[in-house]
Amino acid sequence: MGSNQGVVGVSTEPGSAADEAGFRAGDVILEVDGLPVNSVRQVFRAITTAEAKYVIIRIDRFIPAVKSKVFSATHSQLL
């Protein structure tokens, strides 16, 4: 993802459509109904002017790497 693509969600209101759809703080909204978005205004415009009851929102979700201690073993001991 490039640095000027998408809109980062800061939070979701409990019980809102975004909350019910599973959006999380930090999700990056990339598209609304196939239209690229780069500002909150574009997101709201795409949602509020949609003719359909539902819109498809494409997101990128950053999932941080996890560090964990693992017992050092030979390859055969791990299998």
N, C-alpha and C. Protein backbone atom coordinates (compact mmCIF):
# COMPACT_ATOMS: atom_id res chain seq x y z
N MET A 1 0.84 -1.17 0.00
CA MET A 1 0.00 0.00 0.00
C MET A 1 0.88 1.23 0.00
N GLY A 2 0.58 2.19 -0.86
CA GLY A 2 1.34 3.43 -0.91
C GLY A 2 0.95 4.36 0.22
N SER A 3 1.77 5.37 0.46
CA SER A 3 1.53 6.25 1.58
C SER A 3 0.31 7.15 1.40
N ASN A 4 -0.17 7.37 0.17
CA ASN A 4 -1.32 8.24 -0.05
C ASN A 4 -2.57 7.46 -0.43
N GLN A 5 -2.67 6.23 -0.01
CA GLN A 5 -3.83 5.43 -0.37
C GLN A 5 -4.62 5.08 0.87
N GLY A 6 -5.91 5.33 0.82
CA GLY A 6 -6.79 4.89 1.88
C GLY A 6 -6.96 5.90 3.00
N VAL A 7 -7.88 5.52 3.90
CA VAL A 7 -8.23 6.36 5.04
C VAL A 7 -8.15 5.49 6.28
N VAL A 8 -7.35 5.91 7.26
CA VAL A 8 -7.18 5.13 8.48
C VAL A 8 -8.34 5.41 9.42
N GLY A 9 -8.99 4.34 9.89
CA GLY A 9 -10.05 4.48 10.88
C GLY A 9 -9.44 4.62 12.26
N VAL A 10 -9.84 5.66 12.98
CA VAL A 10 -9.29 5.90 14.31
C VAL A 10 -10.06 5.12 15.37
N SER A 11 -11.37 5.03 15.21
CA SER A 11 -12.20 4.29 16.16
C SER A 11 -13.53 3.95 15.50
N THR A 12 -14.30 3.11 16.17
CA THR A 12 -15.66 2.83 15.72
C THR A 12 -16.61 3.06 16.89
N GLU A 13 -17.75 3.59 16.61
CA GLU A 13 -18.77 3.84 17.62
C GLU A 13 -19.46 2.52 17.93
N PRO A 14 -19.50 2.10 19.20
CA PRO A 14 -20.20 0.85 19.54
C PRO A 14 -21.64 0.84 19.02
N GLY A 15 -22.01 -0.23 18.35
CA GLY A 15 -23.35 -0.37 17.81
C GLY A 15 -23.54 0.26 16.44
N SER A 16 -22.50 0.93 15.92
CA SER A 16 -22.61 1.56 14.60
C SER A 16 -22.52 0.49 13.51
N ALA A 17 -22.83 0.90 12.28
CA ALA A 17 -22.72 -0.02 11.15
C ALA A 17 -21.29 -0.52 11.00
N ALA A 18 -20.31 0.36 11.21
CA ALA A 18 -18.90 -0.05 11.11
C ALA A 18 -18.55 -1.08 12.18
N ASP A 19 -19.03 -0.85 13.40
CA ASP A 19 -18.79 -1.79 14.50
C ASP A 19 -19.44 -3.13 14.19
N GLU A 20 -20.67 -3.10 13.73
CA GLU A 20 -21.39 -4.35 13.42
C GLU A 20 -20.76 -5.10 12.25
N ALA A 21 -20.10 -4.37 11.35
CA ALA A 21 -19.43 -5.00 10.20
C ALA A 21 -18.05 -5.54 10.59
N GLY A 22 -17.58 -5.25 11.80
CA GLY A 22 -16.30 -5.78 12.26
C GLY A 22 -15.11 -4.88 12.02
N PHE A 23 -15.34 -3.63 11.68
CA PHE A 23 -14.22 -2.71 11.50
C PHE A 23 -13.54 -2.46 12.84
N ARG A 24 -12.23 -2.22 12.78
CA ARG A 24 -11.44 -1.95 13.98
C ARG A 24 -10.64 -0.67 13.80
N ALA A 25 -10.28 -0.07 14.93
CA ALA A 25 -9.36 1.07 14.87
C ALA A 25 -8.09 0.63 14.18
N GLY A 26 -7.59 1.43 13.27
CA GLY A 26 -6.37 1.10 12.53
C GLY A 26 -6.62 0.50 11.16
N ASP A 27 -7.86 0.04 10.91
CA ASP A 27 -8.18 -0.46 9.57
C ASP A 27 -8.02 0.69 8.58
N VAL A 28 -7.54 0.36 7.39
CA VAL A 28 -7.38 1.36 6.35
C VAL A 28 -8.43 1.08 5.27
N ILE A 29 -9.34 2.03 5.08
CA ILE A 29 -10.37 1.89 4.04
C ILE A 29 -9.72 2.27 2.71
N LEU A 30 -9.69 1.31 1.79
CA LEU A 30 -9.06 1.51 0.49
C LEU A 30 -10.06 1.87 -0.60
N GLU A 31 -11.23 1.21 -0.56
CA GLU A 31 -12.24 1.41 -1.60
C GLU A 31 -13.64 1.30 -1.00
N VAL A 32 -14.56 2.03 -1.60
CA VAL A 32 -15.98 1.89 -1.29
C VAL A 32 -16.67 1.61 -2.61
N ASP A 33 -17.28 0.43 -2.71
CA ASP A 33 -17.93 -0.01 -3.95
C ASP A 33 -17.00 0.11 -5.16
N GLY A 34 -15.75 -0.26 -4.98
CA GLY A 34 -14.79 -0.26 -6.08
C GLY A 34 -14.14 1.08 -6.37
N LEU A 35 -14.56 2.13 -5.68
CA LEU A 35 -13.97 3.46 -5.89
C LEU A 35 -12.87 3.72 -4.88
N PRO A 36 -11.64 4.00 -5.32
CA PRO A 36 -10.57 4.30 -4.37
C PRO A 36 -10.91 5.55 -3.56
N VAL A 37 -10.56 5.52 -2.28
CA VAL A 37 -10.81 6.67 -1.40
C VAL A 37 -9.51 7.08 -0.72
N ASN A 38 -9.33 8.39 -0.59
CA ASN A 38 -8.13 8.93 0.04
C ASN A 38 -8.45 9.99 1.08
N SER A 39 -9.73 10.17 1.38
CA SER A 39 -10.12 11.15 2.41
C SER A 39 -11.42 10.69 3.05
N VAL A 40 -11.67 11.19 4.25
CA VAL A 40 -12.92 10.88 4.94
C VAL A 40 -14.09 11.39 4.12
N ARG A 41 -13.94 12.55 3.52
CA ARG A 41 -15.01 13.11 2.68
C ARG A 41 -15.38 12.15 1.55
N GLN A 42 -14.38 11.55 0.90
CA GLN A 42 -14.65 10.60 -0.18
C GLN A 42 -15.37 9.36 0.34
N VAL A 43 -14.99 8.89 1.53
CA VAL A 43 -15.65 7.72 2.12
C VAL A 43 -17.13 8.03 2.36
N PHE A 44 -17.41 9.15 3.04
CA PHE A 44 -18.79 9.52 3.33
C PHE A 44 -19.60 9.76 2.06
N ARG A 45 -18.99 10.42 1.08
CA ARG A 45 -19.70 10.68 -0.18
C ARG A 45 -20.06 9.37 -0.86
N ALA A 46 -19.12 8.43 -0.93
CA ALA A 46 -19.37 7.16 -1.60
C ALA A 46 -20.47 6.36 -0.89
N ILE A 47 -20.48 6.42 0.44
CA ILE A 47 -21.49 5.68 1.20
C ILE A 47 -22.86 6.34 1.09
N THR A 48 -22.91 7.65 1.24
CA THR A 48 -24.21 8.34 1.27
C THR A 48 -24.85 8.49 -0.10
N THR A 49 -24.08 8.39 -1.17
CA THR A 49 -24.66 8.51 -2.51
C THR A 49 -24.88 7.16 -3.18
N ALA A 50 -24.55 6.08 -2.48
CA ALA A 50 -24.75 4.74 -3.05
C ALA A 50 -26.23 4.48 -3.26
N GLU A 51 -26.56 3.88 -4.38
CA GLU A 51 -27.96 3.57 -4.68
C GLU A 51 -28.41 2.28 -4.01
N ALA A 52 -27.49 1.39 -3.72
CA ALA A 52 -27.82 0.12 -3.10
C ALA A 52 -27.95 0.28 -1.58
N LYS A 53 -28.62 -0.68 -0.96
CA LYS A 53 -28.80 -0.67 0.48
C LYS A 53 -27.47 -0.92 1.20
N TYR A 54 -26.60 -1.70 0.58
CA TYR A 54 -25.30 -2.04 1.16
C TYR A 54 -24.19 -1.58 0.23
N VAL A 55 -23.03 -1.30 0.80
CA VAL A 55 -21.84 -1.00 0.01
C VAL A 55 -20.75 -2.00 0.39
N ILE A 56 -19.87 -2.23 -0.55
CA ILE A 56 -18.72 -3.10 -0.30
C ILE A 56 -17.53 -2.21 0.00
N ILE A 57 -16.92 -2.42 1.16
CA ILE A 57 -15.78 -1.61 1.57
C ILE A 57 -14.56 -2.51 1.66
N ARG A 58 -13.53 -2.17 0.91
CA ARG A 58 -12.27 -2.93 0.91
C ARG A 58 -11.32 -2.27 1.90
N ILE A 59 -10.79 -3.07 2.82
CA ILE A 59 -9.87 -2.54 3.83
C ILE A 59 -8.54 -3.28 3.81
N ASP A 60 -7.56 -2.65 4.40
CA ASP A 60 -6.28 -3.28 4.68
C ASP A 60 -6.17 -3.26 6.20
N ARG A 61 -5.89 -4.40 6.78
CA ARG A 61 -5.79 -4.48 8.24
C ARG A 61 -4.37 -4.88 8.60
N PHE A 62 -3.72 -3.98 9.34
CA PHE A 62 -2.36 -4.26 9.80
C PHE A 62 -2.45 -5.20 10.99
N ILE A 63 -1.81 -6.34 10.85
CA ILE A 63 -1.76 -7.29 11.96
C ILE A 63 -0.29 -7.43 12.34
N PRO A 64 0.08 -6.95 13.52
CA PRO A 64 1.50 -6.97 13.90
C PRO A 64 2.02 -8.40 14.08
N ALA A 65 3.30 -8.53 13.83
CA ALA A 65 3.95 -9.81 14.05
C ALA A 65 3.97 -10.12 15.54
N VAL A 66 4.00 -11.38 15.85
CA VAL A 66 4.01 -11.82 17.25
C VAL A 66 5.34 -12.50 17.53
N LYS A 67 5.95 -12.13 18.64
CA LYS A 67 7.17 -12.80 19.07
C LYS A 67 6.82 -13.82 20.13
N SER A 68 7.49 -14.96 20.08
CA SER A 68 7.21 -16.00 21.06
C SER A 68 8.47 -16.80 21.30
N LYS A 69 8.68 -17.22 22.54
CA LYS A 69 9.82 -18.10 22.84
C LYS A 69 9.47 -19.50 22.41
N VAL A 70 10.38 -20.15 21.74
CA VAL A 70 10.19 -21.52 21.31
C VAL A 70 11.42 -22.31 21.73
N PHE A 71 11.19 -23.52 22.24
CA PHE A 71 12.28 -24.38 22.65
C PHE A 71 13.20 -24.67 21.48
N SER A 72 14.50 -24.49 21.68
CA SER A 72 15.47 -24.80 20.63
C SER A 72 15.60 -26.31 20.52
N ALA A 73 15.38 -26.82 19.34
CA ALA A 73 15.44 -28.26 19.13
C ALA A 73 15.99 -28.52 17.75
N THR A 74 16.42 -29.73 17.54
CA THR A 74 16.86 -30.09 16.19
C THR A 74 15.61 -30.27 15.34
N HIS A 75 15.80 -30.28 14.06
CA HIS A 75 14.70 -30.41 13.12
C HIS A 75 13.88 -31.68 13.42
N SER A 76 14.53 -32.78 13.69
CA SER A 76 13.81 -34.04 13.94
C SER A 76 12.98 -33.98 15.21
N GLN A 77 13.39 -33.17 16.20
CA GLN A 77 12.62 -33.08 17.44
C GLN A 77 11.35 -32.26 17.25
N LEU A 78 11.32 -31.40 16.24
CA LEU A 78 10.14 -30.59 16.01
C LEU A 78 9.05 -31.35 15.27
N LEU A 79 9.42 -32.42 14.58
CA LEU A 79 8.43 -33.16 13.78
C LEU A 79 7.75 -34.22 14.56
